N, C-alpha and C. Protein backbone atom coordinates (compact mmCIF):
# COMPACT_ATOMS: atom_id res chain seq x y z
N GLU A 1 15.56 -20.26 -1.01
CA GLU A 1 15.20 -18.90 -0.61
C GLU A 1 14.24 -18.92 0.58
N ALA A 2 14.55 -18.15 1.58
CA ALA A 2 13.69 -18.08 2.76
C ALA A 2 12.46 -17.24 2.45
N LYS A 3 11.31 -17.83 2.71
CA LYS A 3 10.06 -17.07 2.52
C LYS A 3 9.77 -16.32 3.82
N PRO A 4 9.38 -15.02 3.73
CA PRO A 4 8.96 -14.35 4.96
C PRO A 4 7.69 -14.99 5.51
N ASP A 5 7.63 -15.17 6.83
CA ASP A 5 6.44 -15.79 7.42
C ASP A 5 5.22 -14.92 7.13
N GLN A 6 5.49 -13.62 7.05
CA GLN A 6 4.40 -12.69 6.96
C GLN A 6 4.54 -11.90 5.67
N GLU A 7 3.47 -11.84 4.91
CA GLU A 7 3.48 -11.01 3.72
C GLU A 7 3.57 -9.55 4.16
N LEU A 8 4.27 -8.76 3.40
CA LEU A 8 4.33 -7.34 3.70
C LEU A 8 2.98 -6.71 3.40
N PRO A 9 2.57 -5.74 4.22
CA PRO A 9 1.30 -5.07 3.92
C PRO A 9 1.40 -4.37 2.57
N THR A 10 0.35 -4.53 1.77
CA THR A 10 0.35 -3.96 0.43
C THR A 10 -0.85 -3.05 0.25
N ILE A 11 -0.59 -1.83 -0.19
CA ILE A 11 -1.65 -0.88 -0.47
C ILE A 11 -1.75 -0.71 -1.97
N ASN A 12 -2.95 -0.92 -2.50
CA ASN A 12 -3.22 -0.68 -3.92
C ASN A 12 -4.03 0.60 -4.01
N LEU A 13 -3.45 1.60 -4.66
CA LEU A 13 -4.08 2.90 -4.71
C LEU A 13 -4.39 3.28 -6.14
N SER A 14 -5.67 3.61 -6.39
CA SER A 14 -6.05 4.16 -7.68
C SER A 14 -6.89 5.40 -7.42
N ALA A 15 -7.33 6.06 -8.48
CA ALA A 15 -8.05 7.33 -8.31
C ALA A 15 -9.33 7.16 -7.50
N ASP A 16 -9.97 5.99 -7.60
CA ASP A 16 -11.27 5.83 -6.95
C ASP A 16 -11.31 4.70 -5.93
N GLN A 17 -10.15 4.11 -5.62
CA GLN A 17 -10.17 2.96 -4.71
C GLN A 17 -8.86 2.87 -3.94
N MET A 18 -8.96 2.43 -2.69
CA MET A 18 -7.78 2.16 -1.88
C MET A 18 -7.96 0.82 -1.21
N LEU A 19 -6.99 -0.08 -1.43
CA LEU A 19 -7.07 -1.41 -0.84
C LEU A 19 -5.86 -1.63 0.05
N LEU A 20 -6.08 -2.18 1.23
CA LEU A 20 -4.99 -2.63 2.09
C LEU A 20 -5.11 -4.14 2.19
N ASN A 21 -4.09 -4.85 1.66
CA ASN A 21 -4.15 -6.32 1.60
C ASN A 21 -5.48 -6.79 1.01
N GLU A 22 -5.88 -6.15 -0.09
CA GLU A 22 -7.06 -6.52 -0.87
C GLU A 22 -8.39 -6.23 -0.19
N GLN A 23 -8.35 -5.50 0.94
CA GLN A 23 -9.58 -5.06 1.59
C GLN A 23 -9.75 -3.56 1.35
N SER A 24 -10.94 -3.16 0.91
CA SER A 24 -11.18 -1.75 0.67
C SER A 24 -11.15 -0.97 1.99
N VAL A 25 -10.39 0.12 2.02
CA VAL A 25 -10.28 0.94 3.24
C VAL A 25 -10.38 2.42 2.89
N SER A 26 -10.84 3.20 3.87
CA SER A 26 -10.76 4.66 3.78
C SER A 26 -9.39 5.07 4.30
N ILE A 27 -9.04 6.34 4.14
CA ILE A 27 -7.74 6.80 4.65
C ILE A 27 -7.70 6.68 6.18
N GLU A 28 -8.83 6.90 6.85
CA GLU A 28 -8.87 6.75 8.31
C GLU A 28 -8.63 5.29 8.71
N GLU A 29 -9.28 4.38 8.00
CA GLU A 29 -9.10 2.95 8.30
C GLU A 29 -7.67 2.51 8.01
N LEU A 30 -7.11 3.06 6.95
CA LEU A 30 -5.73 2.75 6.61
C LEU A 30 -4.80 3.16 7.75
N ARG A 31 -4.96 4.39 8.24
CA ARG A 31 -4.12 4.88 9.34
C ARG A 31 -4.27 3.98 10.57
N GLU A 32 -5.51 3.63 10.88
CA GLU A 32 -5.81 2.80 12.04
C GLU A 32 -5.12 1.43 11.93
N GLN A 33 -5.27 0.81 10.75
CA GLN A 33 -4.72 -0.53 10.58
C GLN A 33 -3.20 -0.53 10.56
N LEU A 34 -2.62 0.51 9.95
CA LEU A 34 -1.16 0.61 9.97
C LEU A 34 -0.65 0.78 11.40
N LYS A 35 -1.38 1.59 12.18
CA LYS A 35 -0.99 1.82 13.57
C LYS A 35 -1.04 0.51 14.36
N ASN A 36 -2.06 -0.31 14.08
CA ASN A 36 -2.22 -1.59 14.79
C ASN A 36 -1.13 -2.60 14.45
N MET A 37 -0.41 -2.37 13.35
CA MET A 37 0.68 -3.28 12.98
C MET A 37 1.92 -3.06 13.85
N LYS A 38 1.91 -1.96 14.63
CA LYS A 38 3.03 -1.65 15.52
C LYS A 38 4.38 -1.74 14.79
N LEU A 39 4.44 -1.07 13.66
CA LEU A 39 5.64 -1.13 12.81
C LEU A 39 6.92 -0.62 13.47
N PRO A 40 6.87 0.45 14.28
CA PRO A 40 8.14 0.96 14.84
C PRO A 40 8.89 -0.07 15.68
N GLY A 41 8.21 -1.04 16.25
CA GLY A 41 8.86 -2.03 17.09
C GLY A 41 9.49 -3.17 16.31
N LYS A 42 9.29 -3.19 14.99
CA LYS A 42 9.78 -4.32 14.19
C LYS A 42 11.17 -4.05 13.63
N LYS A 43 11.80 -5.12 13.12
CA LYS A 43 13.06 -4.96 12.42
C LYS A 43 12.81 -4.20 11.12
N GLU A 44 13.85 -3.53 10.65
CA GLU A 44 13.67 -2.63 9.51
C GLU A 44 13.05 -3.32 8.29
N ASP A 45 13.51 -4.54 7.99
CA ASP A 45 13.00 -5.20 6.79
C ASP A 45 11.57 -5.71 6.96
N GLU A 46 11.05 -5.65 8.19
CA GLU A 46 9.66 -6.05 8.42
C GLU A 46 8.74 -4.83 8.51
N ARG A 47 9.32 -3.66 8.31
CA ARG A 47 8.53 -2.44 8.40
C ARG A 47 8.12 -1.91 7.03
N ALA A 48 8.54 -2.60 5.98
CA ALA A 48 8.23 -2.13 4.63
C ALA A 48 6.73 -2.24 4.37
N VAL A 49 6.19 -1.20 3.76
CA VAL A 49 4.80 -1.20 3.32
C VAL A 49 4.83 -0.94 1.82
N ILE A 50 4.25 -1.87 1.06
CA ILE A 50 4.30 -1.76 -0.39
C ILE A 50 3.15 -0.89 -0.87
N LEU A 51 3.47 0.12 -1.66
CA LEU A 51 2.45 0.99 -2.23
C LEU A 51 2.45 0.83 -3.74
N GLU A 52 1.35 0.30 -4.27
CA GLU A 52 1.18 0.19 -5.71
C GLU A 52 0.18 1.24 -6.13
N ALA A 53 0.66 2.26 -6.86
CA ALA A 53 -0.21 3.36 -7.25
C ALA A 53 -0.34 3.40 -8.76
N THR A 54 -1.56 3.59 -9.23
CA THR A 54 -1.78 3.73 -10.67
C THR A 54 -1.49 5.17 -11.09
N PRO A 55 -1.23 5.40 -12.37
CA PRO A 55 -0.87 6.74 -12.82
C PRO A 55 -1.96 7.79 -12.63
N ASP A 56 -3.20 7.36 -12.45
CA ASP A 56 -4.30 8.34 -12.36
C ASP A 56 -4.53 8.86 -10.94
N VAL A 57 -3.70 8.44 -9.98
CA VAL A 57 -3.89 8.90 -8.61
C VAL A 57 -3.47 10.36 -8.49
N GLY A 58 -4.33 11.17 -7.90
CA GLY A 58 -4.01 12.58 -7.70
C GLY A 58 -2.91 12.74 -6.66
N TYR A 59 -2.16 13.84 -6.79
CA TYR A 59 -1.02 14.05 -5.89
C TYR A 59 -1.43 14.08 -4.43
N GLN A 60 -2.53 14.77 -4.14
CA GLN A 60 -2.92 14.93 -2.74
C GLN A 60 -3.29 13.59 -2.10
N ARG A 61 -4.05 12.79 -2.86
CA ARG A 61 -4.45 11.46 -2.39
C ARG A 61 -3.22 10.60 -2.12
N TYR A 62 -2.29 10.65 -3.06
CA TYR A 62 -1.05 9.90 -2.95
C TYR A 62 -0.27 10.33 -1.70
N PHE A 63 -0.20 11.65 -1.53
CA PHE A 63 0.54 12.22 -0.40
C PHE A 63 -0.05 11.78 0.94
N HIS A 64 -1.39 11.73 1.03
CA HIS A 64 -2.06 11.28 2.27
C HIS A 64 -1.63 9.87 2.63
N VAL A 65 -1.56 9.00 1.64
CA VAL A 65 -1.21 7.60 1.89
C VAL A 65 0.25 7.48 2.32
N VAL A 66 1.14 8.18 1.60
CA VAL A 66 2.56 8.16 1.94
C VAL A 66 2.77 8.66 3.37
N THR A 67 2.05 9.73 3.72
CA THR A 67 2.16 10.30 5.06
C THR A 67 1.66 9.31 6.11
N ALA A 68 0.55 8.64 5.82
CA ALA A 68 -0.01 7.66 6.75
C ALA A 68 1.01 6.55 7.03
N ILE A 69 1.70 6.10 5.99
CA ILE A 69 2.70 5.04 6.14
C ILE A 69 3.84 5.52 7.04
N SER A 70 4.35 6.71 6.76
CA SER A 70 5.50 7.17 7.54
C SER A 70 5.12 7.49 8.99
N GLN A 71 3.91 8.02 9.18
CA GLN A 71 3.47 8.31 10.55
C GLN A 71 3.29 7.04 11.37
N ALA A 72 2.96 5.94 10.69
CA ALA A 72 2.78 4.67 11.38
C ALA A 72 4.11 3.96 11.61
N GLY A 73 5.21 4.55 11.13
CA GLY A 73 6.51 3.94 11.31
C GLY A 73 6.89 2.98 10.21
N GLY A 74 6.11 2.97 9.15
CA GLY A 74 6.41 2.09 8.03
C GLY A 74 7.46 2.67 7.12
N ILE A 75 8.07 1.81 6.33
CA ILE A 75 9.06 2.23 5.35
C ILE A 75 8.45 2.01 3.97
N LEU A 76 8.34 3.08 3.21
CA LEU A 76 7.65 3.02 1.92
C LEU A 76 8.44 2.22 0.91
N ALA A 77 7.78 1.23 0.32
CA ALA A 77 8.35 0.47 -0.79
C ALA A 77 7.42 0.71 -1.98
N LEU A 78 7.96 1.31 -3.01
CA LEU A 78 7.11 1.80 -4.09
C LEU A 78 7.09 0.84 -5.26
N VAL A 79 5.91 0.61 -5.81
CA VAL A 79 5.76 -0.17 -7.03
C VAL A 79 4.99 0.70 -8.03
N GLU A 80 5.62 0.98 -9.15
CA GLU A 80 4.92 1.74 -10.19
C GLU A 80 4.04 0.77 -10.97
N VAL A 81 2.80 1.15 -11.16
CA VAL A 81 1.89 0.31 -11.93
C VAL A 81 1.78 0.88 -13.33
N GLU A 82 2.21 0.10 -14.31
CA GLU A 82 2.11 0.53 -15.71
C GLU A 82 0.71 0.25 -16.21
N GLU A 83 0.14 1.22 -16.92
CA GLU A 83 -1.22 1.02 -17.40
C GLU A 83 -1.29 -0.07 -18.46
N GLU A 84 -0.21 -0.24 -19.23
CA GLU A 84 -0.20 -1.28 -20.27
C GLU A 84 -0.41 -2.68 -19.68
N ALA A 85 0.07 -2.86 -18.46
CA ALA A 85 -0.04 -4.17 -17.82
C ALA A 85 -1.51 -4.56 -17.64
N GLU A 86 -2.38 -3.57 -17.46
CA GLU A 86 -3.79 -3.84 -17.25
C GLU A 86 -4.44 -4.44 -18.49
N SER A 87 -4.11 -3.90 -19.67
CA SER A 87 -4.81 -4.30 -20.88
C SER A 87 -4.57 -5.78 -21.23
N GLY A 88 -3.41 -6.29 -20.84
CA GLY A 88 -3.11 -7.68 -21.15
C GLY A 88 -3.91 -8.65 -20.30
N LYS A 89 -4.32 -8.20 -19.14
CA LYS A 89 -5.06 -9.07 -18.21
C LYS A 89 -6.54 -8.96 -18.44
N ASP A 90 -7.24 -10.06 -18.25
CA ASP A 90 -8.69 -10.02 -18.38
C ASP A 90 -9.27 -9.67 -17.01
N GLN A 91 -9.78 -8.47 -16.89
CA GLN A 91 -10.36 -8.03 -15.63
C GLN A 91 -11.84 -8.40 -15.61
N GLY A 92 -12.21 -9.43 -14.86
CA GLY A 92 -13.62 -9.82 -14.77
C GLY A 92 -14.39 -8.75 -14.03
N GLY A 93 -15.51 -8.27 -14.65
CA GLY A 93 -16.26 -7.16 -14.08
C GLY A 93 -16.94 -7.59 -12.82
């Protein structure tokens, strides 16, 4: 299996936190960084942006992120985060 040279950008979104590639970002920083990726110039399969959203994310917050991705020329790849998955893992405080 061919590994992509570059990991796809991944956004982790919860009610109180937004991470882009594991770095905490504001919505403004997210827009800026997505813009800097110059996604419209890439091949379609390199334009995917993975969005992992927890069930507690409010609609408006979610919508802002989805809009930021599409405005930057990214293609939304959605990952549903099940809350049950969290309980099995030991989250070090």
